[in-house]
Amino acid sequence: MDQISITATSISRAAEHFGLPLSTLRFWEHEGLLSSHRRANRRCYDVEQLYRIAVVKRWRDTALFGIDQIRELLTAGRDAVTWHGVITRAIEAVDAKIVRLEEARDYLRHLRDCAHHGEDDCPGFRATVTLPPT
């Protein structure tokens, strides 16, 4: 009978490799995003789970996904409808943030360039405010 060799990477080595705190990997496991096995009473990850760590890290860092979104994508598997919905909602959220950031940038430029150094007496600001009737 052939013996199957299981490649295992310790949690500390995985954390160091991916630049993550141990607590993050433990949290992801607690949240059901990862699974480990025990070797010498220590958490270890097989190759598939190492790829999973890489995917979760990329989704957190690059796509700005929250834990719930990641869980939904991981449980959706190959369900295209769920996958598409999660991604579409994420794109819409990023678009909304971009609009807010552009507004913030424009507002900050106005504050920087306004000669009044405060909005309470700025004619441009006052023109945008509706006051209650007196």
N, C-alpha and C. Protein backbone atom coordinates (compact mmCIF):
# COMPACT_ATOMS: atom_id res chain seq x y z
N MET A 1 0.84 -1.18 0.00
CA MET A 1 0.00 0.00 0.00
C MET A 1 0.88 1.24 0.00
N ASP A 2 0.59 2.17 -0.92
CA ASP A 2 1.37 3.40 -1.00
C ASP A 2 0.95 4.33 0.13
N GLN A 3 1.91 4.95 0.70
CA GLN A 3 1.62 5.92 1.76
C GLN A 3 1.48 7.28 1.12
N ILE A 4 0.42 7.98 1.46
CA ILE A 4 0.17 9.32 0.92
C ILE A 4 0.91 10.32 1.79
N SER A 5 1.68 11.15 1.14
CA SER A 5 2.43 12.18 1.87
C SER A 5 1.59 13.46 1.91
N ILE A 6 1.36 13.94 3.09
CA ILE A 6 0.61 15.19 3.26
C ILE A 6 1.61 16.30 3.57
N THR A 7 1.67 17.26 2.66
CA THR A 7 2.54 18.41 2.89
C THR A 7 1.82 19.35 3.83
N ALA A 8 2.51 19.75 4.87
CA ALA A 8 1.88 20.62 5.86
C ALA A 8 2.79 21.80 6.15
N THR A 9 2.18 22.96 6.25
CA THR A 9 2.89 24.17 6.61
C THR A 9 2.30 24.67 7.92
N SER A 10 3.15 24.95 8.87
CA SER A 10 2.67 25.40 10.18
C SER A 10 2.01 26.76 10.05
N ILE A 11 1.14 27.05 11.00
CA ILE A 11 0.45 28.33 11.01
C ILE A 11 1.46 29.48 11.11
N SER A 12 2.51 29.30 11.90
CA SER A 12 3.49 30.39 12.05
C SER A 12 4.24 30.62 10.75
N ARG A 13 4.56 29.56 10.05
CA ARG A 13 5.27 29.72 8.78
C ARG A 13 4.35 30.35 7.73
N ALA A 14 3.10 29.93 7.71
CA ALA A 14 2.13 30.51 6.76
C ALA A 14 1.92 31.99 7.06
N ALA A 15 1.78 32.33 8.34
CA ALA A 15 1.57 33.73 8.73
C ALA A 15 2.76 34.58 8.30
N GLU A 16 3.95 34.07 8.56
CA GLU A 16 5.16 34.81 8.19
C GLU A 16 5.24 34.97 6.68
N HIS A 17 4.98 33.90 5.95
CA HIS A 17 5.07 33.95 4.48
C HIS A 17 4.12 34.98 3.88
N PHE A 18 2.89 35.02 4.39
CA PHE A 18 1.88 35.92 3.83
C PHE A 18 1.85 37.28 4.52
N GLY A 19 2.72 37.49 5.50
CA GLY A 19 2.78 38.78 6.18
C GLY A 19 1.55 39.06 7.02
N LEU A 20 1.04 38.03 7.67
CA LEU A 20 -0.18 38.16 8.48
C LEU A 20 0.11 37.81 9.93
N PRO A 21 -0.60 38.42 10.85
CA PRO A 21 -0.47 37.99 12.24
C PRO A 21 -1.11 36.60 12.42
N LEU A 22 -0.60 35.85 13.36
CA LEU A 22 -1.19 34.55 13.67
C LEU A 22 -2.67 34.69 14.00
N SER A 23 -3.00 35.75 14.70
CA SER A 23 -4.39 35.96 15.11
C SER A 23 -5.32 36.08 13.90
N THR A 24 -4.83 36.62 12.80
CA THR A 24 -5.65 36.74 11.60
C THR A 24 -5.99 35.37 11.04
N LEU A 25 -5.00 34.50 10.95
CA LEU A 25 -5.27 33.15 10.45
C LEU A 25 -6.22 32.40 11.38
N ARG A 26 -6.01 32.55 12.67
CA ARG A 26 -6.93 31.91 13.63
C ARG A 26 -8.34 32.45 13.47
N PHE A 27 -8.47 33.76 13.29
CA PHE A 27 -9.78 34.38 13.10
C PHE A 27 -10.43 33.87 11.82
N TRP A 28 -9.69 33.85 10.72
CA TRP A 28 -10.24 33.36 9.46
C TRP A 28 -10.71 31.92 9.60
N GLU A 29 -9.95 31.14 10.34
CA GLU A 29 -10.36 29.75 10.56
C GLU A 29 -11.64 29.71 11.40
N HIS A 30 -11.69 30.50 12.45
CA HIS A 30 -12.88 30.58 13.30
C HIS A 30 -14.11 30.99 12.49
N GLU A 31 -13.92 31.87 11.53
CA GLU A 31 -15.02 32.37 10.69
C GLU A 31 -15.37 31.41 9.55
N GLY A 32 -14.64 30.30 9.45
CA GLY A 32 -14.96 29.30 8.43
C GLY A 32 -14.34 29.56 7.07
N LEU A 33 -13.39 30.49 7.00
CA LEU A 33 -12.76 30.78 5.71
C LEU A 33 -11.62 29.81 5.41
N LEU A 34 -11.05 29.22 6.44
CA LEU A 34 -9.93 28.29 6.32
C LEU A 34 -10.20 27.06 7.17
N SER A 35 -9.47 26.02 6.86
CA SER A 35 -9.47 24.86 7.76
C SER A 35 -8.04 24.35 7.88
N SER A 36 -7.73 23.88 9.04
CA SER A 36 -6.38 23.36 9.29
C SER A 36 -6.49 21.94 9.80
N HIS A 37 -5.36 21.29 9.85
CA HIS A 37 -5.28 20.00 10.53
C HIS A 37 -4.16 20.12 11.55
N ARG A 38 -4.09 19.17 12.43
CA ARG A 38 -3.09 19.21 13.51
C ARG A 38 -1.94 18.28 13.18
N ARG A 39 -0.76 18.78 13.43
CA ARG A 39 0.45 17.97 13.33
C ARG A 39 1.29 18.35 14.54
N ALA A 40 1.60 17.36 15.35
CA ALA A 40 2.34 17.60 16.59
C ALA A 40 1.62 18.66 17.43
N ASN A 41 0.29 18.57 17.44
CA ASN A 41 -0.57 19.46 18.21
C ASN A 41 -0.47 20.93 17.79
N ARG A 42 -0.09 21.17 16.55
CA ARG A 42 -0.01 22.54 16.01
C ARG A 42 -0.86 22.63 14.75
N ARG A 43 -1.45 23.78 14.55
CA ARG A 43 -2.22 24.01 13.32
C ARG A 43 -1.29 23.96 12.13
N CYS A 44 -1.73 23.26 11.10
CA CYS A 44 -0.98 23.20 9.84
C CYS A 44 -1.96 23.33 8.68
N TYR A 45 -1.44 23.83 7.57
CA TYR A 45 -2.25 24.01 6.38
C TYR A 45 -1.66 23.19 5.24
N ASP A 46 -2.56 22.55 4.47
CA ASP A 46 -2.10 21.85 3.28
C ASP A 46 -2.02 22.86 2.13
N VAL A 47 -1.61 22.39 0.98
CA VAL A 47 -1.40 23.28 -0.17
C VAL A 47 -2.68 24.02 -0.55
N GLU A 48 -3.81 23.31 -0.56
CA GLU A 48 -5.08 23.96 -0.92
C GLU A 48 -5.43 25.07 0.04
N GLN A 49 -5.17 24.89 1.32
CA GLN A 49 -5.46 25.93 2.31
C GLN A 49 -4.48 27.09 2.20
N LEU A 50 -3.26 26.82 1.78
CA LEU A 50 -2.31 27.92 1.54
C LEU A 50 -2.80 28.79 0.38
N TYR A 51 -3.32 28.15 -0.67
CA TYR A 51 -3.91 28.94 -1.75
C TYR A 51 -5.13 29.70 -1.25
N ARG A 52 -5.89 29.10 -0.37
CA ARG A 52 -7.06 29.76 0.21
C ARG A 52 -6.63 31.00 0.98
N ILE A 53 -5.56 30.89 1.76
CA ILE A 53 -5.03 32.05 2.49
C ILE A 53 -4.68 33.16 1.51
N ALA A 54 -4.00 32.78 0.42
CA ALA A 54 -3.61 33.78 -0.59
C ALA A 54 -4.83 34.46 -1.19
N VAL A 55 -5.88 33.68 -1.48
CA VAL A 55 -7.10 34.25 -2.06
C VAL A 55 -7.78 35.19 -1.07
N VAL A 56 -7.95 34.75 0.17
CA VAL A 56 -8.61 35.58 1.17
C VAL A 56 -7.83 36.87 1.38
N LYS A 57 -6.51 36.77 1.45
CA LYS A 57 -5.67 37.97 1.63
C LYS A 57 -5.85 38.92 0.45
N ARG A 58 -5.83 38.39 -0.75
CA ARG A 58 -6.01 39.23 -1.95
C ARG A 58 -7.38 39.89 -1.94
N TRP A 59 -8.41 39.14 -1.60
CA TRP A 59 -9.76 39.71 -1.57
C TRP A 59 -9.87 40.79 -0.50
N ARG A 60 -9.22 40.60 0.63
CA ARG A 60 -9.25 41.62 1.70
C ARG A 60 -8.47 42.87 1.27
N ASP A 61 -7.25 42.65 0.76
CA ASP A 61 -6.35 43.76 0.46
C ASP A 61 -6.72 44.50 -0.83
N THR A 62 -7.07 43.76 -1.86
CA THR A 62 -7.26 44.37 -3.17
C THR A 62 -8.73 44.66 -3.48
N ALA A 63 -9.59 43.71 -3.22
CA ALA A 63 -11.01 43.91 -3.51
C ALA A 63 -11.74 44.59 -2.35
N LEU A 64 -11.06 44.72 -1.21
CA LEU A 64 -11.63 45.35 -0.02
C LEU A 64 -12.88 44.63 0.48
N PHE A 65 -12.92 43.31 0.29
CA PHE A 65 -14.05 42.52 0.75
C PHE A 65 -14.01 42.37 2.26
N GLY A 66 -15.18 42.36 2.86
CA GLY A 66 -15.32 42.04 4.27
C GLY A 66 -15.42 40.54 4.45
N ILE A 67 -15.36 40.11 5.69
CA ILE A 67 -15.42 38.68 6.01
C ILE A 67 -16.71 38.06 5.47
N ASP A 68 -17.83 38.74 5.63
CA ASP A 68 -19.11 38.19 5.16
C ASP A 68 -19.12 38.00 3.64
N GLN A 69 -18.58 38.96 2.91
CA GLN A 69 -18.51 38.82 1.46
C GLN A 69 -17.63 37.64 1.07
N ILE A 70 -16.50 37.51 1.73
CA ILE A 70 -15.58 36.41 1.43
C ILE A 70 -16.25 35.08 1.73
N ARG A 71 -16.91 34.98 2.87
CA ARG A 71 -17.61 33.75 3.22
C ARG A 71 -18.65 33.41 2.16
N GLU A 72 -19.40 34.42 1.73
CA GLU A 72 -20.43 34.20 0.72
C GLU A 72 -19.82 33.69 -0.59
N LEU A 73 -18.71 34.29 -1.00
CA LEU A 73 -18.06 33.84 -2.23
C LEU A 73 -17.52 32.42 -2.09
N LEU A 74 -16.93 32.12 -0.96
CA LEU A 74 -16.36 30.79 -0.75
C LEU A 74 -17.45 29.73 -0.70
N THR A 75 -18.59 30.05 -0.11
CA THR A 75 -19.67 29.07 -0.03
C THR A 75 -20.44 28.99 -1.33
N ALA A 76 -20.38 30.04 -2.14
CA ALA A 76 -21.07 30.03 -3.43
C ALA A 76 -20.42 29.04 -4.38
N GLY A 77 -19.12 28.84 -4.20
CA GLY A 77 -18.43 27.92 -5.10
C GLY A 77 -18.55 28.37 -6.54
N ARG A 78 -19.11 27.51 -7.35
CA ARG A 78 -19.24 27.80 -8.79
C ARG A 78 -20.62 28.34 -9.15
N ASP A 79 -21.40 28.76 -8.15
CA ASP A 79 -22.72 29.32 -8.41
C ASP A 79 -22.55 30.71 -9.01
N ALA A 80 -22.72 30.81 -10.30
CA ALA A 80 -22.46 32.05 -11.03
C ALA A 80 -23.37 33.19 -10.59
N VAL A 81 -24.61 32.89 -10.25
CA VAL A 81 -25.56 33.95 -9.88
C VAL A 81 -25.11 34.61 -8.57
N THR A 82 -24.78 33.81 -7.57
CA THR A 82 -24.31 34.36 -6.30
C THR A 82 -23.01 35.11 -6.50
N TRP A 83 -22.07 34.49 -7.20
CA TRP A 83 -20.76 35.08 -7.46
C TRP A 83 -20.94 36.45 -8.12
N HIS A 84 -21.72 36.50 -9.18
CA HIS A 84 -21.94 37.75 -9.92
C HIS A 84 -22.58 38.80 -9.03
N GLY A 85 -23.54 38.40 -8.19
CA GLY A 85 -24.20 39.36 -7.31
C GLY A 85 -23.25 39.97 -6.30
N VAL A 86 -22.43 39.15 -5.68
CA VAL A 86 -21.46 39.66 -4.69
C VAL A 86 -20.49 40.62 -5.36
N ILE A 87 -19.98 40.24 -6.50
CA ILE A 87 -19.00 41.09 -7.20
C ILE A 87 -19.66 42.39 -7.67
N THR A 88 -20.85 42.30 -8.20
CA THR A 88 -21.56 43.50 -8.67
C THR A 88 -21.82 44.47 -7.52
N ARG A 89 -22.27 43.94 -6.38
CA ARG A 89 -22.50 44.81 -5.22
C ARG A 89 -21.19 45.45 -4.75
N ALA A 90 -20.10 44.71 -4.81
CA ALA A 90 -18.80 45.25 -4.40
C ALA A 90 -18.36 46.37 -5.35
N ILE A 91 -18.58 46.19 -6.63
CA ILE A 91 -18.23 47.24 -7.61
C ILE A 91 -19.06 48.49 -7.34
N GLU A 92 -20.35 48.31 -7.07
CA GLU A 92 -21.21 49.46 -6.77
C GLU A 92 -20.74 50.19 -5.52
N ALA A 93 -20.31 49.45 -4.52
CA ALA A 93 -19.81 50.07 -3.29
C ALA A 93 -18.52 50.85 -3.55
N VAL A 94 -17.64 50.29 -4.37
CA VAL A 94 -16.40 50.99 -4.71
C VAL A 94 -16.72 52.25 -5.51
N ASP A 95 -17.64 52.15 -6.45
CA ASP A 95 -18.04 53.34 -7.23
C ASP A 95 -18.58 54.43 -6.31
N ALA A 96 -19.39 54.06 -5.34
CA ALA A 96 -19.94 55.04 -4.39
C ALA A 96 -18.82 55.68 -3.57
N LYS A 97 -17.84 54.88 -3.16
CA LYS A 97 -16.71 55.42 -2.40
C LYS A 97 -15.90 56.38 -3.25
N ILE A 98 -15.74 56.06 -4.52
CA ILE A 98 -14.98 56.94 -5.43
C ILE A 98 -15.68 58.28 -5.53
N VAL A 99 -17.00 58.27 -5.67
CA VAL A 99 -17.76 59.53 -5.75
C VAL A 99 -17.54 60.33 -4.48
N ARG A 100 -17.65 59.67 -3.30
CA ARG A 100 -17.45 60.37 -2.03
C ARG A 100 -16.03 60.91 -1.90
N LEU A 101 -15.05 60.15 -2.35
CA LEU A 101 -13.66 60.61 -2.28
C LEU A 101 -13.42 61.79 -3.22
N GLU A 102 -14.03 61.77 -4.40
CA GLU A 102 -13.90 62.90 -5.31
C GLU A 102 -14.53 64.15 -4.71
N GLU A 103 -15.69 63.99 -4.07
CA GLU A 103 -16.33 65.13 -3.40
C GLU A 103 -15.46 65.65 -2.26
N ALA A 104 -14.85 64.74 -1.51
CA ALA A 104 -13.97 65.14 -0.41
C ALA A 104 -12.76 65.90 -0.96
N ARG A 105 -12.18 65.39 -2.04
CA ARG A 105 -11.02 66.07 -2.64
C ARG A 105 -11.41 67.47 -3.10
N ASP A 106 -12.53 67.59 -3.79
CA ASP A 106 -12.97 68.91 -4.27
C ASP A 106 -13.21 69.86 -3.11
N TYR A 107 -13.85 69.36 -2.05
CA TYR A 107 -14.12 70.18 -0.88
C TYR A 107 -12.82 70.63 -0.21
N LEU A 108 -11.89 69.71 -0.05
CA LEU A 108 -10.59 70.06 0.56
C LEU A 108 -9.83 71.08 -0.29
N ARG A 109 -9.91 70.96 -1.60
CA ARG A 109 -9.27 71.95 -2.47
C ARG A 109 -9.91 73.32 -2.26
N HIS A 110 -11.23 73.33 -2.13
CA HIS A 110 -11.92 74.59 -1.88
C HIS A 110 -11.44 75.20 -0.55
N LEU A 111 -11.39 74.37 0.50
CA LEU A 111 -10.92 74.88 1.80
C LEU A 111 -9.51 75.42 1.71
N ARG A 112 -8.66 74.71 0.98
CA ARG A 112 -7.27 75.14 0.84
C ARG A 112 -7.18 76.47 0.12
N ASP A 113 -7.99 76.63 -0.92
CA ASP A 113 -7.85 77.79 -1.80
C ASP A 113 -8.75 78.96 -1.42
N CYS A 114 -9.70 78.76 -0.51
CA CYS A 114 -10.64 79.81 -0.14
C CYS A 114 -9.92 80.89 0.67
N ALA A 115 -10.12 82.12 0.27
CA ALA A 115 -9.46 83.25 0.94
C ALA A 115 -10.06 83.54 2.31
N HIS A 116 -11.21 82.96 2.60
CA HIS A 116 -11.89 83.27 3.86
C HIS A 116 -11.41 82.43 5.04
N HIS A 117 -10.67 81.38 4.77
CA HIS A 117 -10.10 80.51 5.82
C HIS A 117 -11.13 80.07 6.86
N GLY A 118 -12.26 79.74 6.40
CA GLY A 118 -13.33 79.28 7.28
C GLY A 118 -14.63 79.45 6.54
N GLU A 119 -15.49 78.52 6.68
CA GLU A 119 -16.69 78.55 5.86
C GLU A 119 -17.79 79.45 6.38
N ASP A 120 -17.73 79.82 7.64
CA ASP A 120 -18.85 80.60 8.17
C ASP A 120 -19.04 81.94 7.47
N ASP A 121 -17.97 82.50 6.90
CA ASP A 121 -18.12 83.76 6.18
C ASP A 121 -17.77 83.65 4.70
N CYS A 122 -17.68 82.43 4.19
CA CYS A 122 -17.36 82.21 2.77
C CYS A 122 -18.62 82.35 1.93
N PRO A 123 -18.64 83.28 0.97
CA PRO A 123 -19.83 83.47 0.14
C PRO A 123 -20.19 82.21 -0.66
N GLY A 124 -19.19 81.47 -1.10
CA GLY A 124 -19.45 80.24 -1.85
C GLY A 124 -20.18 79.21 -1.00
N PHE A 125 -19.75 79.07 0.24
CA PHE A 125 -20.41 78.14 1.15
C PHE A 125 -21.81 78.62 1.48
N ARG A 126 -21.93 79.90 1.80
CA ARG A 126 -23.23 80.44 2.18
C ARG A 126 -24.26 80.27 1.07
N ALA A 127 -23.79 80.32 -0.18
CA ALA A 127 -24.70 80.16 -1.31
C ALA A 127 -25.27 78.73 -1.39
N THR A 128 -24.60 77.76 -0.75
CA THR A 128 -25.05 76.37 -0.81
C THR A 128 -25.95 75.98 0.36
N VAL A 129 -26.08 76.87 1.35
CA VAL A 129 -26.80 76.52 2.57
C VAL A 129 -28.20 77.13 2.54
N THR A 130 -29.16 76.31 2.92
CA THR A 130 -30.53 76.80 3.11
C THR A 130 -30.77 76.91 4.61
N LEU A 131 -31.12 78.10 5.05
CA LEU A 131 -31.37 78.32 6.47
C LEU A 131 -32.85 78.19 6.77
N PRO A 132 -33.19 77.82 7.99
CA PRO A 132 -34.60 77.76 8.37
C PRO A 132 -35.20 79.15 8.40
N PRO A 133 -36.49 79.28 8.17
CA PRO A 133 -37.10 80.61 8.23
C PRO A 133 -37.02 81.17 9.64
N THR A 134 -36.87 82.48 9.71
CA THR A 134 -36.78 83.14 11.02
C THR A 134 -38.10 83.76 11.38
